[in-house]
Amino acid sequence: MRRHFVIGAGAIGLWSAATLSPTAPTTLVARGARREALARTPLRVIDRTGATLATRSLDVTELESLPARLGDSTVIVATKCAEVDAVLARIVPRLSPETAVFLGQNGLGLAAQAQARGVPPTQIGRALFWLGARREDDTTLRVAGVHRVDLAGHEALNAAKATLADALRASGVAVDDLGPQTALAEWKKSLWNLAVNALCAIADAPNGAVLDSPPLRRLAERLLDEAIAVASAEGEALSRDDRDAVFASLERTRSNLNATLQDLRHGRATELPWLNAAVVSRGARHGVSTPVNETLVALVEDLERRQTRRANNA
């Protein structure tokens, strides 16, 4: 049976390993103290109230211990965007022609980045997670809600996609196969992050602020207008349904703190270079004006530089 290797022990990596492990052979690839903790202690998955949803003993290894050839396996890269290139550099020499690589980050250009690093385009997929989760500590994952997982990738990945989808569905997770259009899939999922992450990071507020504050809602809509115009200039057609999905998902995750705000509170670099900043740079390339995205990028960069959110939430 096809094995899944999940690289990264952040919220998405932990959720993926915990969800897949009961239904498919799954190994979590982690590092340092976090790997040691997960090797000793089962992962506890809790809901927003702190009630235990599941306890999972995970098969854990480190990147250096992966097989020299990954063979007929699926690799889910679930690290932060900034770590993707380094991970790909380590796994590309281990890839076999039948290995599937699914990138689990939110953001634009990840599939192209993998191809530039040497992953054949026929082996690159996208796994896009519509869920709210936060790692509480090395062995505790808080899950606020799970909507679905979107999969996209070259037709050569159809068997790997089907195996991954079956394993997720067997654990009760809804899965949509978006076909071979990885760039369009990136845009569809990134719309949510483009509308919410920087905006709520600046407001220092949970996701629901975009729904509850008319001024923030108007800004979110303008961010989406600019992003959709840039996507159209790149030949990626986004529909009214894609736009509406942003606000529908916000209702389900209104109490969550998005990843950009969490990064600022922990003094980490944000992923805006793959989100709003990518919209700005792509817009400039196509002659599409993106003033709202540009303004929010500058404000978040200032918060990141001054570490104001970290000071306020120490």
C-alpha atoms as a PDB file:
ATOM      1  CA  MET A   1       0.000   0.000   0.000  1.00  0.00           C
ATOM      2  CA  ARG A   2       1.248   3.468  -0.876  1.00  0.00           C
ATOM      3  CA  ARG A   3       3.006   5.207   2.035  1.00  0.00           C
ATOM      4  CA  HIS A   4       2.500   8.865   2.866  1.00  0.00           C
ATOM      5  CA  PHE A   5       5.388  10.951   4.231  1.00  0.00           C
ATOM      6  CA  VAL A   6       4.228  14.194   5.848  1.00  0.00           C
ATOM      7  CA  ILE A   7       7.112  16.668   6.170  1.00  0.00           C
ATOM      8  CA  GLY A   8       6.631  19.305   8.846  1.00  0.00           C
ATOM      9  CA  ALA A   9       5.162  19.130  12.347  1.00  0.00           C
ATOM     10  CA  GLY A  10       3.260  22.403  12.358  1.00  0.00           C
ATOM     11  CA  ALA A  11      -0.526  22.501  12.510  1.00  0.00           C
ATOM     12  CA  ILE A  12      -1.150  21.238   8.956  1.00  0.00           C
ATOM     13  CA  GLY A  13       1.515  18.542   9.168  1.00  0.00           C
ATOM     14  CA  LEU A  14       0.245  17.260  12.514  1.00  0.00           C
ATOM     15  CA  TRP A  15      -3.356  17.294  11.317  1.00  0.00           C
ATOM     16  CA  SER A  16      -2.429  15.456   8.104  1.00  0.00           C
ATOM     17  CA  ALA A  17      -0.449  12.764   9.918  1.00  0.00           C
ATOM     18  CA  ALA A  18      -3.138  12.309  12.580  1.00  0.00           C
ATOM     19  CA  THR A  19      -5.889  12.114   9.953  1.00  0.00           C
ATOM     20  CA  LEU A  20      -4.112   9.785   7.539  1.00  0.00           C
ATOM     21  CA  SER A  21      -2.463   7.400  10.002  1.00  0.00           C
ATOM     22  CA  PRO A  22      -5.620   5.427  10.938  1.00  0.00           C
ATOM     23  CA  THR A  23      -6.423   4.675   7.280  1.00  0.00           C
ATOM     24  CA  ALA A  24      -3.071   4.601   5.408  1.00  0.00           C
ATOM     25  CA  PRO A  25       0.617   3.943   6.166  1.00  0.00           C
ATOM     26  CA  THR A  26       1.869   7.363   7.245  1.00  0.00           C
ATOM     27  CA  THR A  27       5.169   8.699   8.565  1.00  0.00           C
ATOM     28  CA  LEU A  28       5.571  12.184  10.012  1.00  0.00           C
ATOM     29  CA  VAL A  29       8.927  13.816   9.268  1.00  0.00           C
ATOM     30  CA  ALA A  30       9.887  16.221  12.060  1.00  0.00           C
ATOM     31  CA  ARG A  31      13.064  17.530  13.611  1.00  0.00           C
ATOM     32  CA  GLY A  32      14.761  18.179  16.917  1.00  0.00           C
ATOM     33  CA  ALA A  33      12.887  18.290  20.195  1.00  0.00           C
ATOM     34  CA  ARG A  34       9.504  18.137  18.469  1.00  0.00           C
ATOM     35  CA  ARG A  35      10.376  14.849  16.767  1.00  0.00           C
ATOM     36  CA  GLU A  36      11.648  13.422  20.056  1.00  0.00           C
ATOM     37  CA  ALA A  37       8.501  14.508  21.904  1.00  0.00           C
ATOM     38  CA  LEU A  38       6.195  12.974  19.289  1.00  0.00           C
ATOM     39  CA  ALA A  39       8.210   9.741  19.294  1.00  0.00           C
ATOM     40  CA  ARG A  40       7.671   9.477  23.064  1.00  0.00           C
ATOM     41  CA  THR A  41       4.156  10.852  23.476  1.00  0.00           C
ATOM     42  CA  PRO A  42       0.988  10.314  21.402  1.00  0.00           C
ATOM     43  CA  LEU A  43      -0.411  13.390  19.708  1.00  0.00           C
ATOM     44  CA  ARG A  44      -3.533  14.706  21.414  1.00  0.00           C
ATOM     45  CA  VAL A  45      -6.055  16.348  19.092  1.00  0.00           C
ATOM     46  CA  ILE A  46      -8.495  18.680  20.852  1.00  0.00           C
ATOM     47  CA  ASP A  47     -11.406  20.839  19.746  1.00  0.00           C
ATOM     48  CA  ARG A  48     -11.884  24.564  20.363  1.00  0.00           C
ATOM     49  CA  THR A  49     -13.154  23.868  23.911  1.00  0.00           C
ATOM     50  CA  GLY A  50     -10.184  21.671  24.839  1.00  0.00           C
ATOM     51  CA  ALA A  51     -12.129  18.406  24.675  1.00  0.00           C
ATOM     52  CA  THR A  52     -10.114  15.492  23.270  1.00  0.00           C
ATOM     53  CA  LEU A  53     -11.114  14.463  19.759  1.00  0.00           C
ATOM     54  CA  ALA A  54      -8.444  11.799  19.250  1.00  0.00           C
ATOM     55  CA  THR A  55      -5.124  10.505  20.515  1.00  0.00           C
ATOM     56  CA  ARG A  56      -2.687   9.272  17.875  1.00  0.00           C
ATOM     57  CA  SER A  57       0.619   7.464  18.253  1.00  0.00           C
ATOM     58  CA  LEU A  58       2.490   8.609  15.150  1.00  0.00           C
ATOM     59  CA  ASP A  59       5.292   6.965  13.218  1.00  0.00           C
ATOM     60  CA  VAL A  60       7.933   9.707  13.337  1.00  0.00           C
ATOM     61  CA  THR A  61      11.293  10.078  11.637  1.00  0.00           C
ATOM     62  CA  GLU A  62      13.690  12.823  10.575  1.00  0.00           C
ATOM     63  CA  LEU A  63      14.450  14.070   7.094  1.00  0.00           C
ATOM     64  CA  GLU A  64      17.896  12.506   7.059  1.00  0.00           C
ATOM     65  CA  SER A  65      16.393   9.060   7.737  1.00  0.00           C
ATOM     66  CA  LEU A  66      14.062   8.982   4.735  1.00  0.00           C
ATOM     67  CA  PRO A  67      14.742   6.160   2.254  1.00  0.00           C
ATOM     68  CA  ALA A  68      17.426   6.852  -0.316  1.00  0.00           C
ATOM     69  CA  ARG A  69      14.727   6.275  -2.947  1.00  0.00           C
ATOM     70  CA  LEU A  70      11.149   7.177  -2.030  1.00  0.00           C
ATOM     71  CA  GLY A  71       9.644   4.860  -4.629  1.00  0.00           C
ATOM     72  CA  ASP A  72       5.861   4.539  -4.940  1.00  0.00           C
ATOM     73  CA  SER A  73       5.058   6.957  -2.121  1.00  0.00           C
ATOM     74  CA  THR A  74       3.374  10.317  -1.599  1.00  0.00           C
ATOM     75  CA  VAL A  75       5.278  13.163   0.035  1.00  0.00           C
ATOM     76  CA  ILE A  76       3.180  15.946   1.568  1.00  0.00           C
ATOM     77  CA  VAL A  77       5.349  19.000   2.231  1.00  0.00           C
ATOM     78  CA  ALA A  78       3.572  20.796   5.082  1.00  0.00           C
ATOM     79  CA  THR A  79       6.262  23.233   6.198  1.00  0.00           C
ATOM     80  CA  LYS A  80       6.097  27.013   6.113  1.00  0.00           C
ATOM     81  CA  CYS A  81       6.564  28.539   2.644  1.00  0.00           C
ATOM     82  CA  ALA A  82      10.031  29.827   3.526  1.00  0.00           C
ATOM     83  CA  GLU A  83      11.185  26.269   4.298  1.00  0.00           C
ATOM     84  CA  VAL A  84       9.870  24.634   1.127  1.00  0.00           C
ATOM     85  CA  ASP A  85      12.938  25.258  -1.004  1.00  0.00           C
ATOM     86  CA  ALA A  86      15.311  23.732   1.561  1.00  0.00           C
ATOM     87  CA  VAL A  87      13.067  20.687   1.970  1.00  0.00           C
ATOM     88  CA  LEU A  88      12.820  20.174  -1.782  1.00  0.00           C
ATOM     89  CA  ALA A  89      16.591  20.391  -2.109  1.00  0.00           C
ATOM     90  CA  ARG A  90      16.855  17.497   0.350  1.00  0.00           C
ATOM     91  CA  ILE A  91      14.197  15.262  -1.176  1.00  0.00           C
ATOM     92  CA  VAL A  92      14.735  15.791  -4.917  1.00  0.00           C
ATOM     93  CA  PRO A  93      17.705  13.352  -4.976  1.00  0.00           C
ATOM     94  CA  ARG A  94      15.486  10.770  -3.288  1.00  0.00           C
ATOM     95  CA  LEU A  95      12.595  11.005  -5.746  1.00  0.00           C
ATOM     96  CA  SER A  96      11.682   8.044  -7.918  1.00  0.00           C
ATOM     97  CA  PRO A  97       9.686   8.508 -11.137  1.00  0.00           C
ATOM     98  CA  GLU A  98       6.584   7.235  -9.339  1.00  0.00           C
ATOM     99  CA  THR A  99       6.916   9.482  -6.262  1.00  0.00           C
ATOM    100  CA  ALA A 100       4.195  12.130  -5.867  1.00  0.00           C
ATOM    101  CA  VAL A 101       4.993  15.447  -4.163  1.00  0.00           C
ATOM    102  CA  PHE A 102       2.040  17.446  -2.822  1.00  0.00           C
ATOM    103  CA  LEU A 103       2.698  20.951  -1.521  1.00  0.00           C
ATOM    104  CA  GLY A 104       0.414  21.868   1.385  1.00  0.00           C
ATOM    105  CA  GLN A 105       1.138  25.595   1.790  1.00  0.00           C
ATOM    106  CA  ASN A 106      -1.243  28.462   1.161  1.00  0.00           C
ATOM    107  CA  GLY A 107       0.265  30.817  -1.371  1.00  0.00           C
ATOM    108  CA  LEU A 108       1.102  31.543  -4.976  1.00  0.00           C
ATOM    109  CA  GLY A 109       3.955  30.094  -6.980  1.00  0.00           C
ATOM    110  CA  LEU A 110       4.763  27.049  -4.841  1.00  0.00           C
ATOM    111  CA  ALA A 111       4.250  24.567  -7.683  1.00  0.00           C
ATOM    112  CA  ALA A 112       6.472  26.650  -9.965  1.00  0.00           C
ATOM    113  CA  GLN A 113       9.052  26.841  -7.189  1.00  0.00           C
ATOM    114  CA  ALA A 114       9.100  23.043  -6.899  1.00  0.00           C
ATOM    115  CA  GLN A 115       9.588  22.685 -10.640  1.00  0.00           C
ATOM    116  CA  ALA A 116      12.461  25.176 -10.557  1.00  0.00           C
ATOM    117  CA  ARG A 117      14.058  23.145  -7.769  1.00  0.00           C
ATOM    118  CA  GLY A 118      14.013  20.036  -9.962  1.00  0.00           C
ATOM    119  CA  VAL A 119      10.750  18.233  -9.226  1.00  0.00           C
ATOM    120  CA  PRO A 120       9.289  17.073 -12.568  1.00  0.00           C
ATOM    121  CA  PRO A 121       5.952  18.824 -13.284  1.00  0.00           C
ATOM    122  CA  THR A 122       4.308  15.419 -13.687  1.00  0.00           C
ATOM    123  CA  GLN A 123       5.104  14.722 -10.013  1.00  0.00           C
ATOM    124  CA  ILE A 124       3.950  18.044  -8.484  1.00  0.00           C
ATOM    125  CA  GLY A 125       0.577  18.319  -6.796  1.00  0.00           C
ATOM    126  CA  ARG A 126      -1.152  20.773  -4.480  1.00  0.00           C
ATOM    127  CA  ALA A 127      -2.970  19.803  -1.286  1.00  0.00           C
ATOM    128  CA  LEU A 128      -4.969  22.764   0.006  1.00  0.00           C
ATOM    129  CA  PHE A 129      -6.457  22.556   3.478  1.00  0.00           C
ATOM    130  CA  TRP A 130      -9.689  24.347   4.350  1.00  0.00           C
ATOM    131  CA  LEU A 131      -9.510  23.985   8.116  1.00  0.00           C
ATOM    132  CA  GLY A 132      -8.671  25.837  11.282  1.00  0.00           C
ATOM    133  CA  ALA A 133      -5.924  24.285  13.415  1.00  0.00           C
ATOM    134  CA  ARG A 134      -3.221  25.462  15.782  1.00  0.00           C
ATOM    135  CA  ARG A 135      -0.346  23.610  17.414  1.00  0.00           C
ATOM    136  CA  GLU A 136      -0.668  24.218  21.149  1.00  0.00           C
ATOM    137  CA  ASP A 137       2.604  22.505  22.035  1.00  0.00           C
ATOM    138  CA  ASP A 138       4.785  19.730  20.618  1.00  0.00           C
ATOM    139  CA  THR A 139       2.179  17.021  21.254  1.00  0.00           C
ATOM    140  CA  THR A 140      -1.146  18.917  21.266  1.00  0.00           C
ATOM    141  CA  LEU A 141      -3.114  20.076  18.222  1.00  0.00           C
ATOM    142  CA  ARG A 142      -6.219  22.249  18.557  1.00  0.00           C
ATOM    143  CA  VAL A 143      -8.664  21.881  15.645  1.00  0.00           C
ATOM    144  CA  ALA A 144     -11.365  24.528  15.406  1.00  0.00           C
ATOM    145  CA  GLY A 145     -13.057  22.998  12.382  1.00  0.00           C
ATOM    146  CA  VAL A 146     -12.444  21.052   9.178  1.00  0.00           C
ATOM    147  CA  HIS A 147     -14.210  21.893   5.931  1.00  0.00           C
ATOM    148  CA  ARG A 148     -12.400  20.056   3.137  1.00  0.00           C
ATOM    149  CA  VAL A 149      -9.131  19.357   1.349  1.00  0.00           C
ATOM    150  CA  ASP A 150      -8.614  20.318  -2.302  1.00  0.00           C
ATOM    151  CA  LEU A 151      -6.217  18.270  -4.428  1.00  0.00           C
ATOM    152  CA  ALA A 152      -4.754  19.257  -7.785  1.00  0.00           C
ATOM    153  CA  GLY A 153      -1.961  17.892  -9.936  1.00  0.00           C
ATOM    154  CA  HIS A 154      -0.853  16.524 -13.280  1.00  0.00           C
ATOM    155  CA  GLU A 155      -2.843  13.610 -14.714  1.00  0.00           C
ATOM    156  CA  ALA A 156       0.152  11.382 -14.006  1.00  0.00           C
ATOM    157  CA  LEU A 157      -0.692  11.884 -10.314  1.00  0.00           C
ATOM    158  CA  ASN A 158      -4.268  10.632 -10.613  1.00  0.00           C
ATOM    159  CA  ALA A 159      -3.553   7.344  -8.823  1.00  0.00           C
ATOM    160  CA  ALA A 160      -1.681   9.096  -6.008  1.00  0.00           C
ATOM    161  CA  LYS A 161      -4.444  11.690  -5.716  1.00  0.00           C
ATOM    162  CA  ALA A 162      -7.076   8.965  -5.535  1.00  0.00           C
ATOM    163  CA  THR A 163      -5.176   7.077  -2.823  1.00  0.00           C
ATOM    164  CA  LEU A 164      -4.708  10.246  -0.768  1.00  0.00           C
ATOM    165  CA  ALA A 165      -8.346  11.252  -1.258  1.00  0.00           C
ATOM    166  CA  ASP A 166      -9.590   7.791  -0.242  1.00  0.00           C
ATOM    167  CA  ALA A 167      -7.493   7.876   2.947  1.00  0.00           C
ATOM    168  CA  LEU A 168      -8.827  11.315   3.884  1.00  0.00           C
ATOM    169  CA  ARG A 169     -12.423  10.391   3.110  1.00  0.00           C
ATOM    170  CA  ALA A 170     -12.079   7.217   5.180  1.00  0.00           C
ATOM    171  CA  SER A 171     -11.361   9.541   8.123  1.00  0.00           C
ATOM    172  CA  GLY A 172     -14.467  11.596   7.382  1.00  0.00           C
ATOM    173  CA  VAL A 173     -12.824  14.461   5.496  1.00  0.00           C
ATOM    174  CA  ALA A 174     -14.443  15.933   2.384  1.00  0.00           C
ATOM    175  CA  VAL A 175     -12.101  16.060  -0.626  1.00  0.00           C
ATOM    176  CA  ASP A 176     -12.421  17.905  -3.930  1.00  0.00           C
ATOM    177  CA  ASP A 177     -10.257  16.918  -6.915  1.00  0.00           C
ATOM    178  CA  LEU A 178      -9.563  20.123  -8.849  1.00  0.00           C
ATOM    179  CA  GLY A 179      -7.920  18.312 -11.739  1.00  0.00           C
ATOM    180  CA  PRO A 180      -4.544  19.195 -13.264  1.00  0.00           C
ATOM    181  CA  GLN A 181      -4.645  22.995 -12.855  1.00  0.00           C
ATOM    182  CA  THR A 182      -2.282  23.601  -9.950  1.00  0.00           C
ATOM    183  CA  ALA A 183      -1.935  27.330 -10.606  1.00  0.00           C
ATOM    184  CA  LEU A 184      -5.709  27.826 -10.579  1.00  0.00           C
ATOM    185  CA  ALA A 185      -5.954  25.727  -7.401  1.00  0.00           C
ATOM    186  CA  GLU A 186      -3.343  27.971  -5.745  1.00  0.00           C
ATOM    187  CA  TRP A 187      -5.345  31.055  -6.625  1.00  0.00           C
ATOM    188  CA  LYS A 188      -8.638  29.575  -5.403  1.00  0.00           C
ATOM    189  CA  LYS A 189      -7.243  28.763  -1.963  1.00  0.00           C
ATOM    190  CA  SER A 190      -5.064  31.854  -1.689  1.00  0.00           C
ATOM    191  CA  LEU A 191      -8.075  34.164  -2.052  1.00  0.00           C
ATOM    192  CA  TRP A 192      -9.029  33.431   1.556  1.00  0.00           C
ATOM    193  CA  ASN A 193      -5.568  34.236   2.873  1.00  0.00           C
ATOM    194  CA  LEU A 194      -5.252  37.302   0.649  1.00  0.00           C
ATOM    195  CA  ALA A 195      -8.487  38.734   2.030  1.00  0.00           C
ATOM    196  CA  VAL A 196      -7.960  37.831   5.686  1.00  0.00           C
ATOM    197  CA  ASN A 197      -4.358  37.308   6.800  1.00  0.00           C
ATOM    198  CA  ALA A 198      -2.784  40.747   6.484  1.00  0.00           C
ATOM    199  CA  LEU A 199      -6.021  42.544   7.320  1.00  0.00           C
ATOM    200  CA  CYS A 200      -6.633  40.722  10.600  1.00  0.00           C
ATOM    201  CA  ALA A 201      -2.934  40.840  11.475  1.00  0.00           C
ATOM    202  CA  ILE A 202      -3.064  44.633  11.252  1.00  0.00           C
ATOM    203  CA  ALA A 203      -6.349  44.748  13.199  1.00  0.00           C
ATOM    204  CA  ASP A 204      -4.880  42.279  15.747  1.00  0.00           C
ATOM    205  CA  ALA A 205      -8.176  40.424  15.620  1.00  0.00           C
ATOM    206  CA  PRO A 206      -9.651  36.969  14.911  1.00  0.00           C
ATOM    207  CA  ASN A 207     -10.929  36.111  11.446  1.00  0.00           C
ATOM    208  CA  GLY A 208     -14.497  37.068  12.311  1.00  0.00           C
ATOM    209  CA  ALA A 209     -13.525  40.740  12.438  1.00  0.00           C
ATOM    210  CA  VAL A 210     -13.805  40.821   8.641  1.00  0.00           C
ATOM    211  CA  LEU A 211     -17.461  39.794   8.926  1.00  0.00           C
ATOM    212  CA  ASP A 212     -18.304  41.960  11.932  1.00  0.00           C
ATOM    213  CA  SER A 213     -16.628  45.209  10.865  1.00  0.00           C
ATOM    214  CA  PRO A 214     -18.067  46.894   7.745  1.00  0.00           C
ATOM    215  CA  PRO A 215     -14.815  48.841   7.070  1.00  0.00           C
ATOM    216  CA  LEU A 216     -12.749  45.628   7.237  1.00  0.00           C
ATOM    217  CA  ARG A 217     -15.286  43.835   5.021  1.00  0.00           C
ATOM    218  CA  ARG A 218     -14.963  46.588   2.410  1.00  0.00           C
ATOM    219  CA  LEU A 219     -11.172  46.339   2.496  1.00  0.00           C
ATOM    220  CA  ALA A 220     -11.355  42.543   2.157  1.00  0.00           C
ATOM    221  CA  GLU A 221     -13.568  42.935  -0.904  1.00  0.00           C
ATOM    222  CA  ARG A 222     -11.107  45.383  -2.466  1.00  0.00           C
ATOM    223  CA  LEU A 223      -8.229  42.990  -1.776  1.00  0.00           C
ATOM    224  CA  LEU A 224     -10.191  40.276  -3.583  1.00  0.00           C
ATOM    225  CA  ASP A 225     -11.032  42.589  -6.506  1.00  0.00           C
ATOM    226  CA  GLU A 226      -7.330  43.277  -7.036  1.00  0.00           C
ATOM    227  CA  ALA A 227      -6.315  39.626  -6.670  1.00  0.00           C
ATOM    228  CA  ILE A 228      -8.981  38.384  -9.079  1.00  0.00           C
ATOM    229  CA  ALA A 229      -7.913  41.001 -11.635  1.00  0.00           C
ATOM    230  CA  VAL A 230      -4.295  39.807 -11.382  1.00  0.00           C
ATOM    231  CA  ALA A 231      -5.362  36.164 -11.667  1.00  0.00           C
ATOM    232  CA  SER A 232      -7.376  37.031 -14.776  1.00  0.00           C
ATOM    233  CA  ALA A 233      -4.325  38.737 -16.292  1.00  0.00           C
ATOM    234  CA  GLU A 234      -2.465  35.455 -15.737  1.00  0.00           C
ATOM    235  CA  GLY A 235      -5.205  33.506 -17.503  1.00  0.00           C
ATOM    236  CA  GLU A 236      -6.717  32.021 -14.347  1.00  0.00           C
ATOM    237  CA  ALA A 237     -10.483  32.593 -14.257  1.00  0.00           C
ATOM    238  CA  LEU A 238     -11.976  32.849 -10.780  1.00  0.00           C
ATOM    239  CA  SER A 239     -15.728  32.833 -10.276  1.00  0.00           C
ATOM    240  CA  ARG A 240     -18.216  34.510  -7.956  1.00  0.00           C
ATOM    241  CA  ASP A 241     -18.376  31.174  -6.125  1.00  0.00           C
ATOM    242  CA  ASP A 242     -14.634  31.407  -5.364  1.00  0.00           C
ATOM    243  CA  ARG A 243     -15.170  34.869  -3.913  1.00  0.00           C
ATOM    244  CA  ASP A 244     -18.208  33.791  -1.887  1.00  0.00           C
ATOM    245  CA  ALA A 245     -16.272  30.807  -0.498  1.00  0.00           C
ATOM    246  CA  VAL A 246     -13.953  33.217   1.320  1.00  0.00           C
ATOM    247  CA  PHE A 247     -16.742  34.694   3.411  1.00  0.00           C
ATOM    248  CA  ALA A 248     -18.543  31.368   3.902  1.00  0.00           C
ATOM    249  CA  SER A 249     -15.350  29.866   5.310  1.00  0.00           C
ATOM    250  CA  LEU A 250     -14.844  32.915   7.532  1.00  0.00           C
ATOM    251  CA  GLU A 251     -18.140  32.182   9.259  1.00  0.00           C
ATOM    252  CA  ARG A 252     -16.884  28.713  10.176  1.00  0.00           C
ATOM    253  CA  THR A 253     -13.529  29.982  11.472  1.00  0.00           C
ATOM    254  CA  ARG A 254     -14.540  33.357  12.909  1.00  0.00           C
ATOM    255  CA  SER A 255     -12.819  32.770  16.273  1.00  0.00           C
ATOM    256  CA  ASN A 256      -9.500  31.599  14.760  1.00  0.00           C
ATOM    257  CA  LEU A 257      -6.307  33.630  14.608  1.00  0.00           C
ATOM    258  CA  ASN A 258      -4.829  33.419  11.113  1.00  0.00           C
ATOM    259  CA  ALA A 259      -1.262  32.303  10.478  1.00  0.00           C
ATOM    260  CA  THR A 260       0.075  35.797   9.740  1.00  0.00           C
ATOM    261  CA  LEU A 261      -1.150  37.144  13.076  1.00  0.00           C
ATOM    262  CA  GLN A 262       0.220  34.081  14.862  1.00  0.00           C
ATOM    263  CA  ASP A 263       3.586  34.562  13.134  1.00  0.00           C
ATOM    264  CA  LEU A 264       3.740  38.209  14.216  1.00  0.00           C
ATOM    265  CA  ARG A 265       2.841  37.295  17.788  1.00  0.00           C
ATOM    266  CA  HIS A 266       5.657  34.739  17.878  1.00  0.00           C
ATOM    267  CA  GLY A 267       8.231  36.979  16.208  1.00  0.00           C
ATOM    268  CA  ARG A 268       8.380  34.850  13.049  1.00  0.00           C
ATOM    269  CA  ALA A 269       8.630  35.972   9.445  1.00  0.00           C
ATOM    270  CA  THR A 270       5.231  36.011   7.764  1.00  0.00           C
ATOM    271  CA  GLU A 271       4.266  34.324   4.500  1.00  0.00           C
ATOM    272  CA  LEU A 272       3.117  37.514   2.787  1.00  0.00           C
ATOM    273  CA  PRO A 273       5.836  37.154   0.082  1.00  0.00           C
ATOM    274  CA  TRP A 274       3.706  34.250  -1.246  1.00  0.00           C
ATOM    275  CA  LEU A 275       0.399  36.043  -0.643  1.00  0.00           C
ATOM    276  CA  ASN A 276      -0.361  39.784  -0.918  1.00  0.00           C
ATOM    277  CA  ALA A 277       3.210  40.659  -1.913  1.00  0.00           C
ATOM    278  CA  ALA A 278       2.958  38.100  -4.715  1.00  0.00           C
ATOM    279  CA  VAL A 279      -0.240  39.787  -5.922  1.00  0.00           C
ATOM    280  CA  VAL A 280       1.590  43.134  -5.965  1.00  0.00           C
ATOM    281  CA  SER A 281       4.593  41.824  -7.912  1.00  0.00           C
ATOM    282  CA  ARG A 282       2.459  39.874 -10.366  1.00  0.00           C
ATOM    283  CA  GLY A 283       0.163  42.854 -10.796  1.00  0.00           C
ATOM    284  CA  ALA A 284       3.134  45.070 -11.645  1.00  0.00           C
ATOM    285  CA  ARG A 285       4.271  42.505 -14.206  1.00  0.00           C
ATOM    286  CA  HIS A 286       0.870  42.592 -15.927  1.00  0.00           C
ATOM    287  CA  GLY A 287       0.128  46.293 -15.500  1.00  0.00           C
ATOM    288  CA  VAL A 288      -2.659  45.673 -12.958  1.00  0.00           C
ATOM    289  CA  SER A 289      -2.897  48.188 -10.114  1.00  0.00           C
ATOM    290  CA  THR A 290      -2.950  46.676  -6.588  1.00  0.00           C
ATOM    291  CA  PRO A 291      -2.836  49.635  -4.153  1.00  0.00           C
ATOM    292  CA  VAL A 292      -4.728  48.001  -1.273  1.00  0.00           C
ATOM    293  CA  ASN A 293      -2.579  44.878  -1.323  1.00  0.00           C
ATOM    294  CA  GLU A 294       0.534  47.062  -1.539  1.00  0.00           C
ATOM    295  CA  THR A 295      -0.549  49.143   1.462  1.00  0.00           C
ATOM    296  CA  LEU A 296      -1.278  46.120   3.632  1.00  0.00           C
ATOM    297  CA  VAL A 297       2.051  44.511   2.745  1.00  0.00           C
ATOM    298  CA  ALA A 298       3.880  47.668   3.858  1.00  0.00           C
ATOM    299  CA  LEU A 299       1.941  47.795   7.144  1.00  0.00           C
ATOM    300  CA  VAL A 300       2.607  44.133   7.965  1.00  0.00           C
ATOM    301  CA  GLU A 301       6.280  44.532   7.060  1.00  0.00           C
ATOM    302  CA  ASP A 302       6.446  47.405   9.559  1.00  0.00           C
ATOM    303  CA  LEU A 303       4.749  45.306  12.267  1.00  0.00           C
ATOM    304  CA  GLU A 304       7.201  42.501  11.533  1.00  0.00           C
ATOM    305  CA  ARG A 305      10.175  44.855  11.721  1.00  0.00           C
ATOM    306  CA  ARG A 306       9.100  46.501  14.975  1.00  0.00           C
ATOM    307  CA  GLN A 307       7.719  43.247  16.501  1.00  0.00           C
ATOM    308  CA  THR A 308       4.797  45.236  17.925  1.00  0.00           C
ATOM    309  CA  ARG A 309       2.404  42.310  17.968  1.00  0.00           C
ATOM    310  CA  ARG A 310       4.934  40.201  19.858  1.00  0.00           C
ATOM    311  CA  ALA A 311       5.365  42.939  22.478  1.00  0.00           C
ATOM    312  CA  ASN A 312       1.622  43.371  22.846  1.00  0.00           C
ATOM    313  CA  ASN A 313       0.998  39.642  23.325  1.00  0.00           C
ATOM    314  CA  ALA A 314       4.060  38.578  25.309  1.00  0.00           C
END
